[in-house]
Amino acid sequence: MPNPYEKRSSTEGQWPARPQRKIGLETPLVGRFWGEDKRLVFAPPDWYTTLVALCLVGGGLLALGYWASWRWVPLMEVGMWLGPAVLLSGVWALLSMEYAVFELKARTYSRREGRGLFKRARHGPLSELDAVVVYCENYPFAPQVVVYRTVVHWKHAAVPLLVTERQQTSVPPGAPLNASSGAIVRRAQTYAKALGVTLYDNTHFHTPPPQSAI
Protein backbone atom coordinates (compact mmCIF):
# COMPACT_ATOMS: atom_id res chain seq x y z
CA MET A 1 0.00 0.00 0.00
CA PRO A 2 1.43 3.43 -0.95
CA ASN A 3 2.37 5.64 1.97
CA PRO A 4 0.50 8.95 1.58
CA TYR A 5 2.49 10.45 4.44
CA GLU A 6 5.93 9.64 3.08
CA LYS A 7 6.24 12.70 0.87
CA ARG A 8 8.13 15.39 2.66
CA SER A 9 7.02 18.94 2.17
CA SER A 10 9.04 21.10 -0.20
CA THR A 11 8.59 24.02 2.19
CA GLU A 12 10.76 23.87 5.30
CA GLY A 13 8.70 23.68 8.46
CA GLN A 14 5.45 22.73 6.71
CA TRP A 15 3.64 19.67 8.06
CA PRO A 16 1.97 17.19 5.67
CA ALA A 17 -1.52 17.72 7.09
CA ARG A 18 -2.97 20.54 9.17
CA PRO A 19 -0.34 21.45 11.75
CA GLN A 20 -1.33 22.79 15.13
CA ARG A 21 -0.39 26.37 15.87
CA LYS A 22 -0.90 26.88 19.57
CA ILE A 23 0.45 28.93 22.41
CA GLY A 24 1.17 26.80 25.45
CA LEU A 25 3.11 23.80 26.62
CA GLU A 26 3.39 20.60 24.60
CA THR A 27 1.74 18.32 27.14
CA PRO A 28 3.30 14.84 27.16
CA LEU A 29 0.76 12.08 26.50
CA VAL A 30 0.95 8.34 27.07
CA GLY A 31 -1.36 5.61 25.80
CA ARG A 32 -3.21 3.26 28.15
CA PHE A 33 -5.77 0.53 27.59
CA TRP A 34 -8.56 0.60 30.18
CA GLY A 35 -11.54 -1.58 30.95
CA GLU A 36 -10.22 -4.89 29.61
CA ASP A 37 -8.90 -3.18 26.49
CA LYS A 38 -12.29 -1.66 25.67
CA ARG A 39 -10.94 1.89 25.84
CA LEU A 40 -7.73 3.48 24.59
CA VAL A 41 -6.85 6.67 26.45
CA PHE A 42 -4.15 9.20 25.63
CA ALA A 43 -3.61 11.45 28.64
CA PRO A 44 -0.75 13.07 30.57
CA PRO A 45 1.27 10.60 32.65
CA ASP A 46 0.81 10.44 36.41
CA TRP A 47 4.10 12.19 37.14
CA TYR A 48 3.03 15.16 35.01
CA THR A 49 -0.37 15.61 36.66
CA THR A 50 1.29 15.25 40.07
CA LEU A 51 3.83 17.95 39.16
CA VAL A 52 1.06 20.28 38.01
CA ALA A 53 -0.85 19.72 41.25
CA LEU A 54 2.28 20.40 43.32
CA CYS A 55 2.86 23.66 41.44
CA LEU A 56 -0.72 24.78 42.05
CA VAL A 57 -0.76 23.86 45.73
CA GLY A 58 2.86 24.76 46.53
CA GLY A 59 2.77 28.05 44.65
CA GLY A 60 -0.47 29.03 46.30
CA LEU A 61 0.84 28.20 49.78
CA LEU A 62 4.08 30.11 49.19
CA ALA A 63 2.24 33.20 48.00
CA LEU A 64 -0.35 33.02 50.78
CA GLY A 65 2.26 32.34 53.45
CA TYR A 66 4.38 35.29 52.41
CA TRP A 67 1.54 37.78 52.52
CA ALA A 68 0.09 36.27 55.71
CA SER A 69 3.09 36.11 58.03
CA TRP A 70 6.24 34.68 56.44
CA ARG A 71 7.24 38.04 55.01
CA TRP A 72 8.66 38.84 58.45
CA VAL A 73 10.95 35.80 58.32
CA PRO A 74 14.50 36.52 57.00
CA LEU A 75 15.06 35.54 53.34
CA MET A 76 11.35 34.91 52.79
CA GLU A 77 11.18 37.91 50.46
CA VAL A 78 11.75 35.32 47.73
CA GLY A 79 8.20 34.11 48.38
CA MET A 80 6.88 37.36 46.98
CA TRP A 81 7.99 36.24 43.51
CA LEU A 82 8.52 32.49 43.82
CA GLY A 83 4.99 31.70 44.97
CA PRO A 84 3.14 33.48 42.14
CA ALA A 85 5.67 32.20 39.59
CA VAL A 86 5.18 28.56 40.63
CA LEU A 87 1.42 29.03 40.78
CA LEU A 88 1.26 30.58 37.30
CA SER A 89 3.42 27.81 35.86
CA GLY A 90 0.94 25.27 37.26
CA VAL A 91 -2.01 27.16 35.80
CA TRP A 92 -0.28 27.39 32.42
CA ALA A 93 0.41 23.66 32.41
CA LEU A 94 -3.18 22.90 33.48
CA LEU A 95 -4.63 25.03 30.68
CA SER A 96 -2.31 23.30 28.18
CA MET A 97 -3.53 19.78 28.99
CA GLU A 98 -5.15 17.74 26.25
CA TYR A 99 -6.51 14.21 26.14
CA ALA A 100 -8.33 11.79 23.86
CA VAL A 101 -10.48 8.75 24.64
CA PHE A 102 -11.17 6.11 21.99
CA GLU A 103 -14.05 3.74 22.82
CA LEU A 104 -12.94 0.58 21.04
CA LYS A 105 -16.17 -1.34 21.59
CA ALA A 106 -18.52 1.50 20.68
CA ARG A 107 -16.10 2.65 17.92
CA THR A 108 -16.32 6.30 18.91
CA TYR A 109 -13.89 8.90 20.21
CA SER A 110 -13.96 12.04 22.34
CA ARG A 111 -11.17 14.54 22.44
CA ARG A 112 -10.38 17.68 24.41
CA GLU A 113 -8.26 19.70 22.02
CA GLY A 114 -6.66 23.12 22.19
CA ARG A 115 -4.77 25.15 24.75
CA GLY A 116 -5.68 27.97 27.04
CA LEU A 117 -9.23 28.98 27.93
CA PHE A 118 -10.75 28.10 24.57
CA LYS A 119 -10.54 24.32 24.34
CA ARG A 120 -12.74 22.41 21.95
CA ALA A 121 -14.49 19.11 22.64
CA ARG A 122 -14.68 16.83 19.62
CA HIS A 123 -16.67 13.64 19.24
CA GLY A 124 -17.18 11.24 16.38
CA PRO A 125 -16.89 7.69 15.05
CA LEU A 126 -13.54 5.93 14.65
CA SER A 127 -14.30 5.73 10.93
CA GLU A 128 -13.17 9.38 10.73
CA LEU A 129 -9.59 8.32 11.55
CA ASP A 130 -7.18 7.85 8.68
CA ALA A 131 -3.88 6.53 10.01
CA VAL A 132 -1.32 6.38 12.78
CA VAL A 133 2.07 7.67 11.66
CA VAL A 134 5.40 7.60 13.50
CA TYR A 135 7.65 10.51 12.53
CA CYS A 136 11.25 11.37 13.27
CA GLU A 137 12.72 14.81 13.89
CA ASN A 138 16.48 15.10 13.65
CA TYR A 139 17.98 17.97 15.63
CA PRO A 140 20.28 19.88 13.26
CA PHE A 141 22.58 20.96 16.08
CA ALA A 142 22.90 17.42 17.47
CA PRO A 143 22.92 14.86 14.62
CA GLN A 144 22.83 11.91 17.02
CA VAL A 145 19.72 13.12 18.90
CA VAL A 146 16.28 12.43 17.42
CA VAL A 147 12.67 12.84 18.53
CA TYR A 148 10.11 10.23 17.53
CA ARG A 149 6.42 11.18 17.57
CA THR A 150 3.36 8.99 17.19
CA VAL A 151 0.65 11.00 15.46
CA VAL A 152 -3.00 10.19 14.77
CA HIS A 153 -4.36 11.60 11.50
CA TRP A 154 -8.00 12.23 10.63
CA LYS A 155 -9.32 11.80 7.09
CA HIS A 156 -9.02 14.84 4.84
CA ALA A 157 -7.22 16.64 7.71
CA ALA A 158 -10.67 17.52 9.07
CA VAL A 159 -9.37 17.49 12.65
CA PRO A 160 -5.99 18.75 13.90
CA LEU A 161 -3.29 16.16 14.39
CA LEU A 162 -3.05 14.37 17.71
CA VAL A 163 0.49 13.78 18.95
CA THR A 164 -0.05 10.79 21.23
CA GLU A 165 3.50 10.00 22.29
CA ARG A 166 6.93 11.60 22.10
CA GLN A 167 10.29 9.94 22.65
CA GLN A 168 13.65 11.70 22.58
CA THR A 169 16.60 9.40 22.18
CA SER A 170 19.96 9.07 20.46
CA VAL A 171 21.21 6.97 17.59
CA PRO A 172 24.73 5.58 17.17
CA PRO A 173 27.10 7.54 14.91
CA GLY A 174 26.54 6.61 11.29
CA ALA A 175 23.33 4.68 12.07
CA PRO A 176 20.02 5.45 10.32
CA LEU A 177 17.56 7.78 12.02
CA ASN A 178 15.20 4.93 12.86
CA ALA A 179 17.85 2.90 14.69
CA SER A 180 16.20 3.52 18.08
CA SER A 181 12.56 3.60 16.98
CA GLY A 182 11.69 -0.04 17.67
CA ALA A 183 9.83 0.48 20.97
CA ILE A 184 7.68 3.44 19.91
CA VAL A 185 6.86 1.81 16.56
CA ARG A 186 5.69 -1.35 18.32
CA ARG A 187 3.43 0.68 20.59
CA ALA A 188 2.10 2.61 17.61
CA GLN A 189 1.36 -0.66 15.85
CA THR A 190 -0.72 -1.76 18.85
CA TYR A 191 -2.66 1.52 18.81
CA ALA A 192 -3.25 1.36 15.04
CA LYS A 193 -4.55 -2.20 15.28
CA ALA A 194 -6.93 -1.27 18.10
CA LEU A 195 -8.22 1.76 16.19
CA GLY A 196 -8.57 -0.17 12.95
CA VAL A 197 -6.33 2.07 10.85
CA THR A 198 -3.06 1.68 8.98
CA LEU A 199 0.31 2.32 10.58
CA TYR A 200 2.96 4.20 8.60
CA ASP A 201 6.53 4.17 9.89
CA ASN A 202 8.27 7.32 8.67
CA THR A 203 11.12 7.24 11.15
CA HIS A 204 13.72 6.68 8.42
CA PHE A 205 13.78 10.37 7.42
CA HIS A 206 13.46 13.78 9.04
CA THR A 207 10.07 15.50 9.35
CA PRO A 208 9.65 18.93 11.00
CA PRO A 209 7.65 18.95 14.26
CA PRO A 210 3.86 19.18 13.86
CA GLN A 211 3.49 22.01 16.36
CA SER A 212 5.32 24.91 14.78
CA ALA A 213 4.33 27.47 17.40
CA ILE A 214 4.49 26.20 20.97
C-alpha atoms as a PDB file:
ATOM      1  CA  MET A   1       0.000   0.000   0.000  1.00  0.00           C
ATOM      2  CA  PRO A   2       1.429   3.434  -0.949  1.00  0.00           C
ATOM      3  CA  ASN A   3       2.367   5.636   1.971  1.00  0.00           C
ATOM      4  CA  PRO A   4       0.498   8.951   1.577  1.00  0.00           C
ATOM      5  CA  TYR A   5       2.487  10.450   4.436  1.00  0.00           C
ATOM      6  CA  GLU A   6       5.932   9.639   3.083  1.00  0.00           C
ATOM      7  CA  LYS A   7       6.238  12.705   0.868  1.00  0.00           C
ATOM      8  CA  ARG A   8       8.128  15.388   2.663  1.00  0.00           C
ATOM      9  CA  SER A   9       7.021  18.943   2.171  1.00  0.00           C
ATOM     10  CA  SER A  10       9.040  21.099  -0.198  1.00  0.00           C
ATOM     11  CA  THR A  11       8.595  24.017   2.194  1.00  0.00           C
ATOM     12  CA  GLU A  12      10.764  23.866   5.303  1.00  0.00           C
ATOM     13  CA  GLY A  13       8.697  23.681   8.457  1.00  0.00           C
ATOM     14  CA  GLN A  14       5.450  22.729   6.711  1.00  0.00           C
ATOM     15  CA  TRP A  15       3.641  19.674   8.058  1.00  0.00           C
ATOM     16  CA  PRO A  16       1.974  17.189   5.675  1.00  0.00           C
ATOM     17  CA  ALA A  17      -1.519  17.716   7.092  1.00  0.00           C
ATOM     18  CA  ARG A  18      -2.971  20.536   9.168  1.00  0.00           C
ATOM     19  CA  PRO A  19      -0.344  21.454  11.753  1.00  0.00           C
ATOM     20  CA  GLN A  20      -1.329  22.785  15.130  1.00  0.00           C
ATOM     21  CA  ARG A  21      -0.387  26.366  15.872  1.00  0.00           C
ATOM     22  CA  LYS A  22      -0.897  26.882  19.573  1.00  0.00           C
ATOM     23  CA  ILE A  23       0.450  28.930  22.412  1.00  0.00           C
ATOM     24  CA  GLY A  24       1.170  26.796  25.447  1.00  0.00           C
ATOM     25  CA  LEU A  25       3.107  23.797  26.618  1.00  0.00           C
ATOM     26  CA  GLU A  26       3.393  20.604  24.599  1.00  0.00           C
ATOM     27  CA  THR A  27       1.742  18.319  27.140  1.00  0.00           C
ATOM     28  CA  PRO A  28       3.296  14.845  27.160  1.00  0.00           C
ATOM     29  CA  LEU A  29       0.765  12.080  26.504  1.00  0.00           C
ATOM     30  CA  VAL A  30       0.950   8.339  27.068  1.00  0.00           C
ATOM     31  CA  GLY A  31      -1.364   5.613  25.799  1.00  0.00           C
ATOM     32  CA  ARG A  32      -3.207   3.263  28.151  1.00  0.00           C
ATOM     33  CA  PHE A  33      -5.767   0.530  27.585  1.00  0.00           C
ATOM     34  CA  TRP A  34      -8.556   0.605  30.177  1.00  0.00           C
ATOM     35  CA  GLY A  35     -11.540  -1.582  30.951  1.00  0.00           C
ATOM     36  CA  GLU A  36     -10.224  -4.888  29.606  1.00  0.00           C
ATOM     37  CA  ASP A  37      -8.900  -3.183  26.490  1.00  0.00           C
ATOM     38  CA  LYS A  38     -12.290  -1.658  25.673  1.00  0.00           C
ATOM     39  CA  ARG A  39     -10.935   1.887  25.835  1.00  0.00           C
ATOM     40  CA  LEU A  40      -7.728   3.482  24.587  1.00  0.00           C
ATOM     41  CA  VAL A  41      -6.854   6.672  26.446  1.00  0.00           C
ATOM     42  CA  PHE A  42      -4.154   9.197  25.633  1.00  0.00           C
ATOM     43  CA  ALA A  43      -3.613  11.454  28.639  1.00  0.00           C
ATOM     44  CA  PRO A  44      -0.752  13.075  30.571  1.00  0.00           C
ATOM     45  CA  PRO A  45       1.273  10.601  32.648  1.00  0.00           C
ATOM     46  CA  ASP A  46       0.806  10.436  36.412  1.00  0.00           C
ATOM     47  CA  TRP A  47       4.098  12.187  37.136  1.00  0.00           C
ATOM     48  CA  TYR A  48       3.025  15.156  35.015  1.00  0.00           C
ATOM     49  CA  THR A  49      -0.374  15.606  36.661  1.00  0.00           C
ATOM     50  CA  THR A  50       1.293  15.255  40.074  1.00  0.00           C
ATOM     51  CA  LEU A  51       3.835  17.945  39.159  1.00  0.00           C
ATOM     52  CA  VAL A  52       1.060  20.284  38.009  1.00  0.00           C
ATOM     53  CA  ALA A  53      -0.851  19.718  41.251  1.00  0.00           C
ATOM     54  CA  LEU A  54       2.280  20.403  43.321  1.00  0.00           C
ATOM     55  CA  CYS A  55       2.857  23.659  41.436  1.00  0.00           C
ATOM     56  CA  LEU A  56      -0.716  24.783  42.051  1.00  0.00           C
ATOM     57  CA  VAL A  57      -0.758  23.858  45.733  1.00  0.00           C
ATOM     58  CA  GLY A  58       2.856  24.755  46.532  1.00  0.00           C
ATOM     59  CA  GLY A  59       2.766  28.047  44.650  1.00  0.00           C
ATOM     60  CA  GLY A  60      -0.473  29.035  46.302  1.00  0.00           C
ATOM     61  CA  LEU A  61       0.844  28.201  49.776  1.00  0.00           C
ATOM     62  CA  LEU A  62       4.078  30.113  49.193  1.00  0.00           C
ATOM     63  CA  ALA A  63       2.245  33.196  47.997  1.00  0.00           C
ATOM     64  CA  LEU A  64      -0.346  33.018  50.785  1.00  0.00           C
ATOM     65  CA  GLY A  65       2.261  32.339  53.454  1.00  0.00           C
ATOM     66  CA  TYR A  66       4.377  35.289  52.407  1.00  0.00           C
ATOM     67  CA  TRP A  67       1.535  37.777  52.522  1.00  0.00           C
ATOM     68  CA  ALA A  68       0.091  36.271  55.714  1.00  0.00           C
ATOM     69  CA  SER A  69       3.092  36.111  58.034  1.00  0.00           C
ATOM     70  CA  TRP A  70       6.244  34.681  56.442  1.00  0.00           C
ATOM     71  CA  ARG A  71       7.235  38.044  55.007  1.00  0.00           C
ATOM     72  CA  TRP A  72       8.655  38.841  58.451  1.00  0.00           C
ATOM     73  CA  VAL A  73      10.953  35.802  58.319  1.00  0.00           C
ATOM     74  CA  PRO A  74      14.496  36.515  57.001  1.00  0.00           C
ATOM     75  CA  LEU A  75      15.061  35.542  53.344  1.00  0.00           C
ATOM     76  CA  MET A  76      11.352  34.910  52.786  1.00  0.00           C
ATOM     77  CA  GLU A  77      11.179  37.911  50.457  1.00  0.00           C
ATOM     78  CA  VAL A  78      11.748  35.323  47.732  1.00  0.00           C
ATOM     79  CA  GLY A  79       8.205  34.106  48.381  1.00  0.00           C
ATOM     80  CA  MET A  80       6.878  37.363  46.975  1.00  0.00           C
ATOM     81  CA  TRP A  81       7.993  36.241  43.508  1.00  0.00           C
ATOM     82  CA  LEU A  82       8.521  32.495  43.816  1.00  0.00           C
ATOM     83  CA  GLY A  83       4.990  31.697  44.972  1.00  0.00           C
ATOM     84  CA  PRO A  84       3.138  33.483  42.141  1.00  0.00           C
ATOM     85  CA  ALA A  85       5.674  32.201  39.587  1.00  0.00           C
ATOM     86  CA  VAL A  86       5.184  28.562  40.633  1.00  0.00           C
ATOM     87  CA  LEU A  87       1.417  29.033  40.778  1.00  0.00           C
ATOM     88  CA  LEU A  88       1.257  30.579  37.303  1.00  0.00           C
ATOM     89  CA  SER A  89       3.416  27.807  35.860  1.00  0.00           C
ATOM     90  CA  GLY A  90       0.939  25.268  37.265  1.00  0.00           C
ATOM     91  CA  VAL A  91      -2.010  27.163  35.802  1.00  0.00           C
ATOM     92  CA  TRP A  92      -0.278  27.392  32.421  1.00  0.00           C
ATOM     93  CA  ALA A  93       0.410  23.655  32.414  1.00  0.00           C
ATOM     94  CA  LEU A  94      -3.180  22.902  33.477  1.00  0.00           C
ATOM     95  CA  LEU A  95      -4.629  25.026  30.677  1.00  0.00           C
ATOM     96  CA  SER A  96      -2.307  23.300  28.177  1.00  0.00           C
ATOM     97  CA  MET A  97      -3.525  19.779  28.993  1.00  0.00           C
ATOM     98  CA  GLU A  98      -5.149  17.737  26.252  1.00  0.00           C
ATOM     99  CA  TYR A  99      -6.507  14.213  26.142  1.00  0.00           C
ATOM    100  CA  ALA A 100      -8.335  11.790  23.865  1.00  0.00           C
ATOM    101  CA  VAL A 101     -10.480   8.746  24.645  1.00  0.00           C
ATOM    102  CA  PHE A 102     -11.175   6.108  21.994  1.00  0.00           C
ATOM    103  CA  GLU A 103     -14.047   3.743  22.820  1.00  0.00           C
ATOM    104  CA  LEU A 104     -12.939   0.581  21.039  1.00  0.00           C
ATOM    105  CA  LYS A 105     -16.174  -1.344  21.585  1.00  0.00           C
ATOM    106  CA  ALA A 106     -18.523   1.504  20.680  1.00  0.00           C
ATOM    107  CA  ARG A 107     -16.099   2.647  17.915  1.00  0.00           C
ATOM    108  CA  THR A 108     -16.321   6.303  18.908  1.00  0.00           C
ATOM    109  CA  TYR A 109     -13.893   8.904  20.214  1.00  0.00           C
ATOM    110  CA  SER A 110     -13.963  12.038  22.338  1.00  0.00           C
ATOM    111  CA  ARG A 111     -11.165  14.545  22.442  1.00  0.00           C
ATOM    112  CA  ARG A 112     -10.382  17.681  24.412  1.00  0.00           C
ATOM    113  CA  GLU A 113      -8.258  19.705  22.017  1.00  0.00           C
ATOM    114  CA  GLY A 114      -6.660  23.121  22.185  1.00  0.00           C
ATOM    115  CA  ARG A 115      -4.774  25.152  24.747  1.00  0.00           C
ATOM    116  CA  GLY A 116      -5.677  27.970  27.037  1.00  0.00           C
ATOM    117  CA  LEU A 117      -9.227  28.976  27.932  1.00  0.00           C
ATOM    118  CA  PHE A 118     -10.753  28.097  24.569  1.00  0.00           C
ATOM    119  CA  LYS A 119     -10.542  24.325  24.344  1.00  0.00           C
ATOM    120  CA  ARG A 120     -12.740  22.406  21.953  1.00  0.00           C
ATOM    121  CA  ALA A 121     -14.492  19.107  22.638  1.00  0.00           C
ATOM    122  CA  ARG A 122     -14.678  16.834  19.616  1.00  0.00           C
ATOM    123  CA  HIS A 123     -16.673  13.642  19.239  1.00  0.00           C
ATOM    124  CA  GLY A 124     -17.175  11.242  16.377  1.00  0.00           C
ATOM    125  CA  PRO A 125     -16.889   7.686  15.050  1.00  0.00           C
ATOM    126  CA  LEU A 126     -13.542   5.934  14.652  1.00  0.00           C
ATOM    127  CA  SER A 127     -14.296   5.733  10.929  1.00  0.00           C
ATOM    128  CA  GLU A 128     -13.166   9.380  10.732  1.00  0.00           C
ATOM    129  CA  LEU A 129      -9.587   8.317  11.547  1.00  0.00           C
ATOM    130  CA  ASP A 130      -7.181   7.846   8.676  1.00  0.00           C
ATOM    131  CA  ALA A 131      -3.875   6.530  10.012  1.00  0.00           C
ATOM    132  CA  VAL A 132      -1.316   6.377  12.781  1.00  0.00           C
ATOM    133  CA  VAL A 133       2.071   7.672  11.660  1.00  0.00           C
ATOM    134  CA  VAL A 134       5.397   7.599  13.495  1.00  0.00           C
ATOM    135  CA  TYR A 135       7.649  10.510  12.531  1.00  0.00           C
ATOM    136  CA  CYS A 136      11.248  11.375  13.269  1.00  0.00           C
ATOM    137  CA  GLU A 137      12.716  14.815  13.890  1.00  0.00           C
ATOM    138  CA  ASN A 138      16.481  15.096  13.651  1.00  0.00           C
ATOM    139  CA  TYR A 139      17.982  17.966  15.627  1.00  0.00           C
ATOM    140  CA  PRO A 140      20.276  19.876  13.257  1.00  0.00           C
ATOM    141  CA  PHE A 141      22.578  20.958  16.077  1.00  0.00           C
ATOM    142  CA  ALA A 142      22.901  17.419  17.466  1.00  0.00           C
ATOM    143  CA  PRO A 143      22.924  14.861  14.621  1.00  0.00           C
ATOM    144  CA  GLN A 144      22.830  11.911  17.016  1.00  0.00           C
ATOM    145  CA  VAL A 145      19.722  13.120  18.895  1.00  0.00           C
ATOM    146  CA  VAL A 146      16.284  12.431  17.416  1.00  0.00           C
ATOM    147  CA  VAL A 147      12.674  12.844  18.530  1.00  0.00           C
ATOM    148  CA  TYR A 148      10.109  10.229  17.528  1.00  0.00           C
ATOM    149  CA  ARG A 149       6.425  11.183  17.568  1.00  0.00           C
ATOM    150  CA  THR A 150       3.365   8.987  17.186  1.00  0.00           C
ATOM    151  CA  VAL A 151       0.647  11.001  15.461  1.00  0.00           C
ATOM    152  CA  VAL A 152      -3.002  10.190  14.774  1.00  0.00           C
ATOM    153  CA  HIS A 153      -4.364  11.602  11.496  1.00  0.00           C
ATOM    154  CA  TRP A 154      -7.997  12.234  10.632  1.00  0.00           C
ATOM    155  CA  LYS A 155      -9.324  11.801   7.091  1.00  0.00           C
ATOM    156  CA  HIS A 156      -9.018  14.836   4.842  1.00  0.00           C
ATOM    157  CA  ALA A 157      -7.218  16.637   7.710  1.00  0.00           C
ATOM    158  CA  ALA A 158     -10.666  17.520   9.066  1.00  0.00           C
ATOM    159  CA  VAL A 159      -9.366  17.489  12.651  1.00  0.00           C
ATOM    160  CA  PRO A 160      -5.989  18.755  13.896  1.00  0.00           C
ATOM    161  CA  LEU A 161      -3.293  16.159  14.389  1.00  0.00           C
ATOM    162  CA  LEU A 162      -3.054  14.365  17.712  1.00  0.00           C
ATOM    163  CA  VAL A 163       0.494  13.780  18.949  1.00  0.00           C
ATOM    164  CA  THR A 164      -0.051  10.792  21.233  1.00  0.00           C
ATOM    165  CA  GLU A 165       3.504  10.004  22.290  1.00  0.00           C
ATOM    166  CA  ARG A 166       6.928  11.601  22.101  1.00  0.00           C
ATOM    167  CA  GLN A 167      10.294   9.938  22.647  1.00  0.00           C
ATOM    168  CA  GLN A 168      13.646  11.702  22.584  1.00  0.00           C
ATOM    169  CA  THR A 169      16.597   9.398  22.180  1.00  0.00           C
ATOM    170  CA  SER A 170      19.962   9.071  20.460  1.00  0.00           C
ATOM    171  CA  VAL A 171      21.209   6.973  17.587  1.00  0.00           C
ATOM    172  CA  PRO A 172      24.734   5.584  17.175  1.00  0.00           C
ATOM    173  CA  PRO A 173      27.104   7.537  14.915  1.00  0.00           C
ATOM    174  CA  GLY A 174      26.536   6.609  11.291  1.00  0.00           C
ATOM    175  CA  ALA A 175      23.333   4.677  12.069  1.00  0.00           C
ATOM    176  CA  PRO A 176      20.020   5.448  10.316  1.00  0.00           C
ATOM    177  CA  LEU A 177      17.563   7.778  12.020  1.00  0.00           C
ATOM    178  CA  ASN A 178      15.200   4.927  12.860  1.00  0.00           C
ATOM    179  CA  ALA A 179      17.854   2.902  14.686  1.00  0.00           C
ATOM    180  CA  SER A 180      16.196   3.516  18.083  1.00  0.00           C
ATOM    181  CA  SER A 181      12.559   3.602  16.977  1.00  0.00           C
ATOM    182  CA  GLY A 182      11.688  -0.035  17.672  1.00  0.00           C
ATOM    183  CA  ALA A 183       9.830   0.484  20.972  1.00  0.00           C
ATOM    184  CA  ILE A 184       7.680   3.439  19.905  1.00  0.00           C
ATOM    185  CA  VAL A 185       6.859   1.808  16.558  1.00  0.00           C
ATOM    186  CA  ARG A 186       5.692  -1.354  18.322  1.00  0.00           C
ATOM    187  CA  ARG A 187       3.429   0.681  20.593  1.00  0.00           C
ATOM    188  CA  ALA A 188       2.098   2.608  17.615  1.00  0.00           C
ATOM    189  CA  GLN A 189       1.359  -0.663  15.852  1.00  0.00           C
ATOM    190  CA  THR A 190      -0.717  -1.761  18.851  1.00  0.00           C
ATOM    191  CA  TYR A 191      -2.656   1.517  18.807  1.00  0.00           C
ATOM    192  CA  ALA A 192      -3.254   1.361  15.041  1.00  0.00           C
ATOM    193  CA  LYS A 193      -4.545  -2.200  15.278  1.00  0.00           C
ATOM    194  CA  ALA A 194      -6.928  -1.274  18.100  1.00  0.00           C
ATOM    195  CA  LEU A 195      -8.215   1.761  16.188  1.00  0.00           C
ATOM    196  CA  GLY A 196      -8.571  -0.175  12.946  1.00  0.00           C
ATOM    197  CA  VAL A 197      -6.326   2.069  10.851  1.00  0.00           C
ATOM    198  CA  THR A 198      -3.059   1.682   8.976  1.00  0.00           C
ATOM    199  CA  LEU A 199       0.311   2.320  10.580  1.00  0.00           C
ATOM    200  CA  TYR A 200       2.960   4.197   8.604  1.00  0.00           C
ATOM    201  CA  ASP A 201       6.526   4.165   9.891  1.00  0.00           C
ATOM    202  CA  ASN A 202       8.268   7.325   8.669  1.00  0.00           C
ATOM    203  CA  THR A 203      11.125   7.243  11.148  1.00  0.00           C
ATOM    204  CA  HIS A 204      13.717   6.683   8.423  1.00  0.00           C
ATOM    205  CA  PHE A 205      13.775  10.373   7.420  1.00  0.00           C
ATOM    206  CA  HIS A 206      13.461  13.779   9.039  1.00  0.00           C
ATOM    207  CA  THR A 207      10.073  15.495   9.350  1.00  0.00           C
ATOM    208  CA  PRO A 208       9.645  18.930  10.996  1.00  0.00           C
ATOM    209  CA  PRO A 209       7.647  18.947  14.256  1.00  0.00           C
ATOM    210  CA  PRO A 210       3.859  19.181  13.860  1.00  0.00           C
ATOM    211  CA  GLN A 211       3.493  22.009  16.360  1.00  0.00           C
ATOM    212  CA  SER A 212       5.323  24.909  14.783  1.00  0.00           C
ATOM    213  CA  ALA A 213       4.334  27.471  17.405  1.00  0.00           C
ATOM    214  CA  ILE A 214       4.485  26.198  20.967  1.00  0.00           C
END
